[in-house]
């Protein structure tokens, strides 16, 4: 490649004026909103808690970058939209990111970050999950009366020969099968699993651990387990009954359930034929498969439209009107799909391209912790604003990706943010709300 020594490049004139460009602008960044991430991190104590949870076996006298700095560099970069370690070859020179990480010199290289991730093991995954749950508990000013724990699994496609990757018949590609647990918008568990297992595998153990920890913090809180039909396992339901855990879980339709609701389906068909309007009825059943220990309450939704009959079933131990439980409580679990998409797509939780298993789990957790950082900004600082319900990707675009000139001397670091930014008032409001009390 030819070396170019030209200082200026000229472009066609505009209204008679010469248009020139060079690279003498000084320290300029496209990520002026990184200071909001730093502010949120300091408010939560997130990177500090992670650094304390992880062990560092390196010889400290030979290390230029401590664990805290490595974590901040990686978390902030993911939150800013930089998914790959290769991005850090340029990012490490960015004064904005250096300021957020609280360093005055070049940040860690991609190879240093790669070695950092590849030191991950089972213990680090356990400890980072503890940080996630502790962050969730600390987010409440007073004990909650009710907690709804949403469980769901999804596919994480892989494109190499990673440890633990298998072909999944339903998704029709090689993938992992991570298990997520959310409570509202807050993420509690992002557990990487191979895809050659039952979709509910380990969910019982995770529910048990979560219940134990949450009841240590809030003994009187009502805990409800919610999931789709893939989590309907009678032994898990029996455990919930014995430990006073509410549940509302999807139940796959079968011939016996359809026989029990056959008369109602026929009535719905007749009503649709007479009126031409969609029919949507609810009823209660006592149902128990032969393998179950006892019959349980099943809510049946009988729906008839121009597409024909569409019965759906959920099993629950909760009291209340069948329609209310189905519409207001069970169907609300669909919002968890949006949260999973945020973590998988906007926070790059599917970037599990390491060869070994535990580094991939570590990467998934880093994405989850970056999600936790932006979710805290949404929950704490954007409440009541136009971005109160925005996706994390939208928050990144509108509040973090702001051009800025950075002036730095021995006494001050000044970010001169773009004057044309349309969210100036919101930026100042968020910074104010995230400031220490």
Protein backbone atom coordinates (compact mmCIF):
# COMPACT_ATOMS: atom_id res chain seq x y z
CA UNK A 1 0.00 0.00 0.00
CA UNK A 2 1.32 3.44 -0.96
CA UNK A 3 2.23 5.72 1.96
CA UNK A 4 0.34 9.02 1.73
CA UNK A 5 2.08 12.09 3.16
CA UNK A 6 -0.66 14.57 2.19
CA UNK A 7 -1.83 16.78 5.09
CA UNK A 8 -4.99 18.17 3.48
CA UNK A 9 -7.57 16.87 1.06
CA UNK A 10 -9.73 19.26 -0.97
CA UNK A 11 -13.37 18.65 -1.87
CA UNK A 12 -15.61 20.46 -4.37
CA UNK A 13 -16.47 24.00 -3.38
CA UNK A 14 -19.71 24.83 -1.58
CA UNK A 15 -21.25 28.23 -2.41
CA UNK A 16 -17.87 29.45 -3.61
CA UNK A 17 -16.03 28.42 -0.49
CA UNK A 18 -13.09 26.01 -0.40
CA UNK A 19 -13.78 22.73 1.40
CA UNK A 20 -10.74 21.10 3.01
CA UNK A 21 -10.20 18.29 5.52
CA UNK A 22 -7.34 16.93 7.56
CA UNK A 23 -6.77 14.88 10.71
CA UNK A 24 -5.57 17.63 13.02
CA UNK A 25 -8.78 17.92 15.02
CA UNK A 26 -7.23 16.55 18.21
CA UNK A 27 -8.98 14.20 20.60
CA UNK A 28 -12.46 13.59 19.22
CA UNK A 29 -14.81 10.74 20.11
CA UNK A 30 -18.12 9.43 18.86
CA UNK A 31 -18.96 8.08 22.33
CA UNK A 32 -19.48 11.21 24.44
CA UNK A 33 -22.17 9.40 26.43
CA UNK A 34 -19.66 7.00 27.96
CA UNK A 35 -19.58 9.31 30.98
CA UNK A 36 -23.17 8.31 31.72
CA UNK A 37 -22.08 4.67 31.83
CA UNK A 38 -19.30 5.54 34.24
CA UNK A 39 -21.77 7.48 36.38
CA UNK A 40 -24.21 4.55 36.47
CA UNK A 41 -21.39 2.14 37.26
CA UNK A 42 -20.24 4.26 40.19
CA UNK A 43 -23.81 4.55 41.48
CA UNK A 44 -24.33 0.78 41.35
CA UNK A 45 -20.81 -0.20 42.34
CA UNK A 46 -21.05 -2.80 39.59
CA UNK A 47 -17.49 -3.06 38.26
CA UNK A 48 -16.16 -2.76 41.82
CA UNK A 49 -18.32 -5.71 42.92
CA UNK A 50 -17.23 -7.79 39.93
CA UNK A 51 -13.55 -7.03 40.51
CA UNK A 52 -13.85 -8.11 44.13
CA UNK A 53 -15.65 -11.30 43.10
CA UNK A 54 -12.97 -12.40 40.64
CA UNK A 55 -9.55 -13.73 41.56
CA UNK A 56 -6.45 -12.54 39.72
CA UNK A 57 -3.63 -15.09 39.66
CA UNK A 58 -1.27 -12.84 37.70
CA UNK A 59 1.93 -11.44 39.19
CA UNK A 60 0.65 -7.97 40.01
CA UNK A 61 4.04 -6.26 39.77
CA UNK A 62 4.18 -7.23 36.09
CA UNK A 63 0.62 -6.13 35.23
CA UNK A 64 -0.13 -2.82 33.55
CA UNK A 65 -3.92 -3.33 33.70
CA UNK A 66 -5.71 -4.50 36.82
CA UNK A 67 -8.94 -6.53 36.76
CA UNK A 68 -11.08 -3.48 37.51
CA UNK A 69 -9.76 -1.60 34.48
CA UNK A 70 -10.12 -4.63 32.21
CA UNK A 71 -13.72 -5.11 33.32
CA UNK A 72 -14.65 -1.48 32.84
CA UNK A 73 -13.03 -1.36 29.43
CA UNK A 74 -14.92 -4.44 28.29
CA UNK A 75 -18.29 -3.56 29.86
CA UNK A 76 -18.35 0.01 28.61
CA UNK A 77 -17.30 -1.07 25.12
CA UNK A 78 -20.11 -3.63 24.91
CA UNK A 79 -22.60 -1.05 26.16
CA UNK A 80 -21.32 1.39 23.51
CA UNK A 81 -21.86 -1.19 20.76
CA UNK A 82 -18.37 -2.68 20.27
CA UNK A 83 -18.85 -6.42 20.26
CA UNK A 84 -15.43 -7.72 19.22
CA UNK A 85 -12.12 -7.74 21.05
CA UNK A 86 -10.50 -6.58 17.80
CA UNK A 87 -12.31 -3.26 18.23
CA UNK A 88 -10.10 -2.51 21.21
CA UNK A 89 -6.99 -2.07 19.06
CA UNK A 90 -8.48 1.31 18.16
CA UNK A 91 -10.65 1.86 21.24
CA UNK A 92 -7.68 1.65 23.59
CA UNK A 93 -6.52 5.00 22.18
CA UNK A 94 -9.90 6.69 22.71
CA UNK A 95 -9.52 9.39 25.38
CA UNK A 96 -13.24 9.20 26.21
CA UNK A 97 -13.03 5.52 27.08
CA UNK A 98 -9.75 6.05 28.92
CA UNK A 99 -11.45 8.75 31.01
CA UNK A 100 -14.40 6.47 31.81
CA UNK A 101 -12.05 3.64 32.81
CA UNK A 102 -10.13 6.19 34.92
CA UNK A 103 -6.77 5.76 33.23
CA UNK A 104 -4.51 8.40 31.68
CA UNK A 105 -2.73 6.10 29.30
CA UNK A 106 -3.43 3.54 26.60
CA UNK A 107 -5.94 0.86 27.62
CA UNK A 108 -5.52 -2.91 27.35
CA UNK A 109 -4.95 -4.47 23.94
CA UNK A 110 -7.19 -7.08 22.35
CA UNK A 111 -4.70 -9.83 23.23
CA UNK A 112 -4.63 -8.78 26.90
CA UNK A 113 -8.43 -8.83 27.03
CA UNK A 114 -8.46 -12.19 25.28
CA UNK A 115 -6.16 -13.69 27.91
CA UNK A 116 -8.35 -12.14 30.59
CA UNK A 117 -11.48 -13.84 29.21
CA UNK A 118 -9.76 -17.18 28.70
CA UNK A 119 -8.83 -17.37 32.39
CA UNK A 120 -12.56 -17.73 33.22
CA UNK A 121 -13.69 -20.88 35.01
CA UNK A 122 -16.70 -22.31 36.83
CA UNK A 123 -16.01 -20.31 39.99
CA UNK A 124 -15.94 -17.00 38.14
CA UNK A 125 -19.29 -17.82 36.49
CA UNK A 126 -20.79 -18.59 39.88
CA UNK A 127 -19.46 -15.38 41.42
CA UNK A 128 -20.67 -13.18 38.56
CA UNK A 129 -24.15 -14.65 38.92
CA UNK A 130 -23.99 -13.76 42.59
CA UNK A 131 -23.19 -10.17 41.58
CA UNK A 132 -26.20 -10.12 39.24
CA UNK A 133 -28.55 -11.30 41.99
CA UNK A 134 -27.02 -8.94 44.57
CA UNK A 135 -27.48 -6.04 42.14
CA UNK A 136 -31.13 -7.01 41.76
CA UNK A 137 -31.67 -7.11 45.51
CA UNK A 138 -29.91 -3.79 46.02
CA UNK A 139 -32.19 -2.13 43.46
CA UNK A 140 -35.15 -2.23 45.90
CA UNK A 141 -35.48 0.50 48.50
CA UNK A 142 -38.11 -1.50 50.39
CA UNK A 143 -39.02 -5.21 50.38
CA UNK A 144 -41.25 -6.14 47.42
CA UNK A 145 -44.56 -7.89 48.06
CA UNK A 146 -44.39 -10.07 44.95
CA UNK A 147 -41.64 -11.29 42.63
CA UNK A 148 -42.37 -13.01 39.31
CA UNK A 149 -39.42 -15.03 38.02
CA UNK A 150 -39.57 -15.58 34.25
CA UNK A 151 -37.66 -18.59 32.90
CA UNK A 152 -36.96 -19.09 29.22
CA UNK A 153 -34.40 -20.69 26.94
CA UNK A 154 -33.22 -19.54 23.53
CA UNK A 155 -30.77 -20.57 20.86
CA UNK A 156 -27.29 -19.10 20.56
CA UNK A 157 -26.01 -20.04 17.06
CA UNK A 158 -22.36 -21.02 16.77
CA UNK A 159 -20.26 -21.13 13.62
CA UNK A 160 -17.14 -22.99 14.67
CA UNK A 161 -16.03 -26.03 16.63
CA UNK A 162 -16.70 -24.60 20.11
CA UNK A 163 -16.82 -26.97 23.07
CA UNK A 164 -20.38 -28.04 23.85
CA UNK A 165 -21.96 -27.09 20.55
CA UNK A 166 -24.54 -29.50 19.11
CA UNK A 167 -27.10 -29.51 16.33
CA UNK A 168 -30.59 -28.66 17.58
CA UNK A 169 -33.50 -30.16 15.66
CA UNK A 170 -36.00 -27.42 16.51
CA UNK A 171 -33.72 -24.49 15.64
CA UNK A 172 -32.10 -26.42 12.76
CA UNK A 173 -28.55 -25.28 13.36
CA UNK A 174 -25.59 -25.77 15.67
CA UNK A 175 -26.04 -23.74 18.80
CA UNK A 176 -25.88 -23.39 22.56
CA UNK A 177 -29.10 -23.29 24.59
CA UNK A 178 -28.69 -20.57 27.26
CA UNK A 179 -31.24 -20.29 30.06
CA UNK A 180 -32.33 -16.80 31.11
CA UNK A 181 -34.15 -15.71 34.25
CA UNK A 182 -35.65 -12.22 34.46
CA UNK A 183 -37.70 -10.46 37.09
CA UNK A 184 -39.43 -7.68 35.21
CA UNK A 185 -36.71 -5.99 33.15
CA UNK A 186 -33.90 -7.05 35.46
CA UNK A 187 -31.68 -9.98 34.58
CA UNK A 188 -30.83 -12.52 37.28
CA UNK A 189 -29.41 -15.50 35.40
CA UNK A 190 -27.77 -16.03 32.00
CA UNK A 191 -26.66 -19.63 32.13
CA UNK A 192 -24.95 -21.12 29.08
CA UNK A 193 -25.88 -24.74 28.30
CA UNK A 194 -25.19 -27.20 25.49
CA UNK A 195 -28.12 -27.70 23.13
CA UNK A 196 -28.36 -31.49 23.37
CA UNK A 197 -30.39 -31.34 26.60
CA UNK A 198 -33.97 -30.87 27.75
CA UNK A 199 -34.87 -27.16 27.57
CA UNK A 200 -35.81 -27.23 31.28
CA UNK A 201 -32.55 -28.85 32.39
CA UNK A 202 -31.13 -27.26 35.57
CA UNK A 203 -34.06 -24.83 35.89
CA UNK A 204 -35.24 -26.56 39.06
CA UNK A 205 -31.83 -26.17 40.72
CA UNK A 206 -31.59 -22.53 39.62
CA UNK A 207 -35.08 -21.79 40.92
CA UNK A 208 -34.18 -23.38 44.26
CA UNK A 209 -31.01 -21.29 44.58
CA UNK A 210 -32.82 -18.09 43.65
CA UNK A 211 -35.65 -18.73 46.10
CA UNK A 212 -33.18 -19.39 48.91
CA UNK A 213 -31.26 -16.17 48.23
CA UNK A 214 -34.34 -13.99 47.71
CA UNK A 215 -35.99 -15.27 50.87
CA UNK A 216 -32.85 -14.46 52.82
CA UNK A 217 -33.35 -10.86 51.73
CA UNK A 218 -37.18 -10.75 51.80
CA UNK A 219 -38.72 -13.57 53.86
CA UNK A 220 -42.30 -12.37 53.29
CA UNK A 221 -42.17 -11.76 49.54
CA UNK A 222 -44.50 -13.88 47.40
CA UNK A 223 -42.45 -15.62 44.69
CA UNK A 224 -44.08 -16.82 41.45
CA UNK A 225 -42.42 -19.05 38.89
CA UNK A 226 -43.56 -18.38 35.31
CA UNK A 227 -42.59 -20.22 32.15
CA UNK A 228 -43.86 -21.67 28.91
CA UNK A 229 -44.76 -25.29 28.25
CA UNK A 230 -41.11 -26.27 28.04
CA UNK A 231 -40.84 -25.85 31.84
CA UNK A 232 -43.89 -27.90 32.82
CA UNK A 233 -42.29 -30.65 34.89
CA UNK A 234 -44.46 -32.13 37.62
CA UNK A 235 -41.60 -32.67 40.07
CA UNK A 236 -40.71 -29.00 39.78
CA UNK A 237 -44.37 -28.07 40.36
CA UNK A 238 -44.48 -30.35 43.38
CA UNK A 239 -41.39 -28.62 44.77
CA UNK A 240 -43.12 -25.27 44.32
CA UNK A 241 -46.20 -26.56 46.17
CA UNK A 242 -44.09 -27.77 49.08
CA UNK A 243 -42.11 -24.53 49.36
CA UNK A 244 -45.03 -22.12 48.98
CA UNK A 245 -43.95 -20.92 45.55
CA UNK A 246 -46.65 -19.82 43.15
CA UNK A 247 -46.45 -20.98 39.56
CA UNK A 248 -48.20 -20.41 36.27
CA UNK A 249 -46.72 -22.52 33.49
CA UNK A 250 -47.79 -23.39 29.98
CA UNK A 251 -49.12 -26.90 29.38
CA UNK A 252 -48.87 -28.52 25.96
CA UNK A 253 -52.24 -29.53 24.55
CA UNK A 254 -52.92 -33.23 24.16
CA UNK A 255 -55.79 -35.54 23.26
CA UNK A 256 -57.00 -35.91 26.84
CA UNK A 257 -57.11 -32.16 27.48
CA UNK A 258 -58.91 -31.64 24.19
CA UNK A 259 -61.46 -34.34 25.16
CA UNK A 260 -62.08 -32.58 28.49
CA UNK A 261 -62.85 -29.33 26.66
CA UNK A 262 -64.54 -30.87 23.62
CA UNK A 263 -68.08 -29.77 24.59
CA UNK A 264 -66.90 -26.19 25.15
CA UNK A 265 -65.09 -26.21 21.81
CA UNK A 266 -68.29 -27.37 20.09
CA UNK A 267 -70.28 -24.58 21.79
CA UNK A 268 -67.68 -22.05 20.70
CA UNK A 269 -67.91 -23.32 17.10
CA UNK A 270 -71.69 -22.98 17.16
CA UNK A 271 -71.48 -19.48 18.64
CA UNK A 272 -68.98 -18.39 15.96
CA UNK A 273 -71.21 -19.82 13.21
CA UNK A 274 -74.21 -17.92 14.58
CA UNK A 275 -72.52 -14.55 15.17
CA UNK A 276 -69.45 -14.55 12.94
CA UNK A 277 -67.49 -12.93 15.77
CA UNK A 278 -64.39 -14.34 17.42
CA UNK A 279 -65.16 -16.46 20.48
CA UNK A 280 -62.78 -16.47 23.45
CA UNK A 281 -63.82 -18.37 26.59
CA UNK A 282 -62.03 -19.58 29.71
CA UNK A 283 -62.70 -22.48 32.03
CA UNK A 284 -61.05 -24.35 34.90
CA UNK A 285 -60.12 -28.04 34.91
CA UNK A 286 -58.60 -30.49 37.35
CA UNK A 287 -56.02 -32.36 35.34
CA UNK A 288 -53.16 -34.66 36.10
CA UNK A 289 -51.13 -36.79 33.71
CA UNK A 290 -50.52 -40.38 34.73
CA UNK A 291 -46.94 -39.57 35.67
CA UNK A 292 -47.99 -36.68 37.96
CA UNK A 293 -48.29 -37.06 41.71
CA UNK A 294 -51.75 -35.41 41.78
CA UNK A 295 -54.21 -33.43 39.64
CA UNK A 296 -53.66 -29.68 39.43
CA UNK A 297 -55.63 -26.65 38.38
CA UNK A 298 -55.50 -26.08 34.64
CA UNK A 299 -56.86 -22.96 32.98
CA UNK A 300 -58.19 -23.65 29.49
CA UNK A 301 -58.59 -20.92 26.91
CA UNK A 302 -61.02 -21.89 24.16
CA UNK A 303 -60.69 -19.62 21.15
CA UNK A 304 -62.61 -19.95 17.89
CA UNK A 305 -62.14 -17.68 14.87
CA UNK A 306 -62.06 -17.86 11.08
CA UNK A 307 -58.91 -19.95 11.49
CA UNK A 308 -60.76 -22.58 13.50
CA UNK A 309 -60.38 -23.68 17.10
CA UNK A 310 -57.27 -22.81 19.11
CA UNK A 311 -57.31 -24.25 22.65
CA UNK A 312 -54.49 -23.30 25.03
CA UNK A 313 -53.73 -24.52 28.56
CA UNK A 314 -51.74 -23.36 31.57
CA UNK A 315 -51.26 -25.10 34.92
CA UNK A 316 -51.20 -23.02 38.09
CA UNK A 317 -51.59 -23.13 41.86
CA UNK A 318 -52.65 -19.49 42.04
CA UNK A 319 -56.11 -18.38 43.05
CA UNK A 320 -58.17 -15.96 41.03
CA UNK A 321 -60.29 -15.55 37.92
CA UNK A 322 -59.12 -17.77 35.05
CA UNK A 323 -59.28 -15.03 32.42
CA UNK A 324 -57.40 -12.54 34.58
CA UNK A 325 -54.68 -15.04 35.41
CA UNK A 326 -54.25 -15.98 31.77
CA UNK A 327 -54.44 -12.52 30.19
CA UNK A 328 -52.83 -10.35 32.85
CA UNK A 329 -50.31 -12.74 34.38
CA UNK A 330 -49.38 -15.57 32.02
CA UNK A 331 -49.42 -13.62 28.73
CA UNK A 332 -47.24 -10.92 30.30
CA UNK A 333 -44.34 -13.38 30.14
CA UNK A 334 -44.11 -12.55 26.43
CA UNK A 335 -42.29 -9.34 27.32
CA UNK A 336 -39.37 -11.47 28.47
CA UNK A 337 -38.75 -12.27 24.80
CA UNK A 338 -37.95 -8.60 24.27
CA UNK A 339 -35.49 -8.62 27.16
CA UNK A 340 -33.75 -11.70 25.76
CA UNK A 341 -33.48 -10.00 22.37
CA UNK A 342 -31.92 -6.97 24.04
CA UNK A 343 -29.29 -9.12 25.72
CA UNK A 344 -28.65 -11.38 22.73
CA UNK A 345 -28.69 -8.77 19.97
CA UNK A 346 -28.08 -5.30 21.43
CA UNK A 347 -25.60 -6.52 24.06
CA UNK A 348 -24.08 -9.24 21.85
CA UNK A 349 -24.83 -12.11 24.23
CA UNK A 350 -24.56 -14.45 21.24
CA UNK A 351 -20.91 -13.54 20.66
CA UNK A 352 -19.77 -16.88 22.09
CA UNK A 353 -16.96 -17.57 19.64
CA UNK A 354 -14.28 -18.78 22.08
CA UNK A 355 -13.06 -22.34 21.67
CA UNK A 356 -13.46 -23.29 25.31
CA UNK A 357 -16.68 -23.47 27.33
CA UNK A 358 -16.07 -21.23 30.34
CA UNK A 359 -14.74 -18.23 28.38
CA UNK A 360 -17.98 -18.37 26.38
CA UNK A 361 -20.00 -18.40 29.59
CA UNK A 362 -17.90 -15.47 30.79
CA UNK A 363 -18.64 -13.54 27.60
CA UNK A 364 -22.37 -14.15 28.03
CA UNK A 365 -22.13 -12.81 31.57
CA UNK A 366 -20.19 -9.73 30.45
CA UNK A 367 -23.00 -8.97 28.02
CA UNK A 368 -25.52 -9.52 30.82
CA UNK A 369 -23.66 -7.15 33.12
CA UNK A 370 -23.47 -4.52 30.38
CA UNK A 371 -27.24 -4.95 29.97
CA UNK A 372 -27.62 -4.48 33.73
CA UNK A 373 -25.73 -1.19 33.46
CA UNK A 374 -27.99 0.26 30.76
CA UNK A 375 -31.13 -1.19 32.36
CA UNK A 376 -30.23 0.70 35.53
CA UNK A 377 -29.99 3.92 33.53
CA UNK A 378 -33.40 3.20 32.03
CA UNK A 379 -34.94 2.33 35.39
CA UNK A 380 -33.36 5.07 37.51
CA UNK A 381 -32.56 7.99 35.22
CA UNK A 382 -35.05 7.69 32.35
CA UNK A 383 -38.19 7.17 34.39
CA UNK A 384 -40.95 9.47 33.15
CA UNK A 385 -39.02 10.50 30.02
CA UNK A 386 -39.55 9.70 26.35
CA UNK A 387 -36.97 6.89 26.65
CA UNK A 388 -38.50 5.31 29.76
CA UNK A 389 -39.45 2.16 27.80
CA UNK A 390 -36.82 2.36 25.07
CA UNK A 391 -34.74 -0.64 24.06
CA UNK A 392 -31.14 -0.57 25.24
CA UNK A 393 -30.03 -0.21 21.62
CA UNK A 394 -32.13 2.94 21.29
CA UNK A 395 -30.72 4.35 24.53
CA UNK A 396 -27.21 3.70 23.20
CA UNK A 397 -27.95 5.47 19.92
CA UNK A 398 -29.54 8.54 21.47
CA UNK A 399 -27.55 9.06 24.66
CA UNK A 400 -24.16 7.38 24.21
CA UNK A 401 -23.27 7.88 20.54
CA UNK A 402 -22.65 11.62 20.78
CA UNK A 403 -19.70 13.27 19.08
CA UNK A 404 -17.41 15.24 21.38
CA UNK A 405 -14.13 17.14 21.30
CA UNK A 406 -12.04 16.36 24.38
CA UNK A 407 -9.72 18.95 25.90
CA UNK A 408 -7.37 17.53 28.49
CA UNK A 409 -4.76 19.11 30.73
CA UNK A 410 -3.31 18.50 34.17
CA UNK A 411 -6.32 20.00 35.97
CA UNK A 412 -9.34 19.24 33.84
CA UNK A 413 -10.85 16.94 31.21
CA UNK A 414 -13.55 18.74 29.28
CA UNK A 415 -15.99 17.02 26.90
CA UNK A 416 -17.34 19.49 24.31
CA UNK A 417 -20.40 17.56 23.12
CA UNK A 418 -21.92 18.15 19.70
CA UNK A 419 -24.05 21.32 19.71
CA UNK A 420 -26.56 19.73 17.35
CA UNK A 421 -27.38 16.82 19.68
CA UNK A 422 -31.21 16.70 19.95
CA UNK A 423 -31.14 15.13 23.42
CA UNK A 424 -29.16 17.72 25.36
CA UNK A 425 -31.75 18.28 28.09
CA UNK A 426 -32.25 14.55 28.53
CA UNK A 427 -28.48 14.01 28.75
CA UNK A 428 -28.19 16.56 31.58
CA UNK A 429 -31.24 15.08 33.33
CA UNK A 430 -29.76 11.57 33.23
CA UNK A 431 -26.39 12.80 34.49
CA UNK A 432 -28.14 14.62 37.34
CA UNK A 433 -30.23 11.60 38.33
CA UNK A 434 -27.21 9.32 38.32
CA UNK A 435 -25.12 11.67 40.44
CA UNK A 436 -24.36 10.41 43.98
CA UNK A 437 -26.94 11.52 46.54
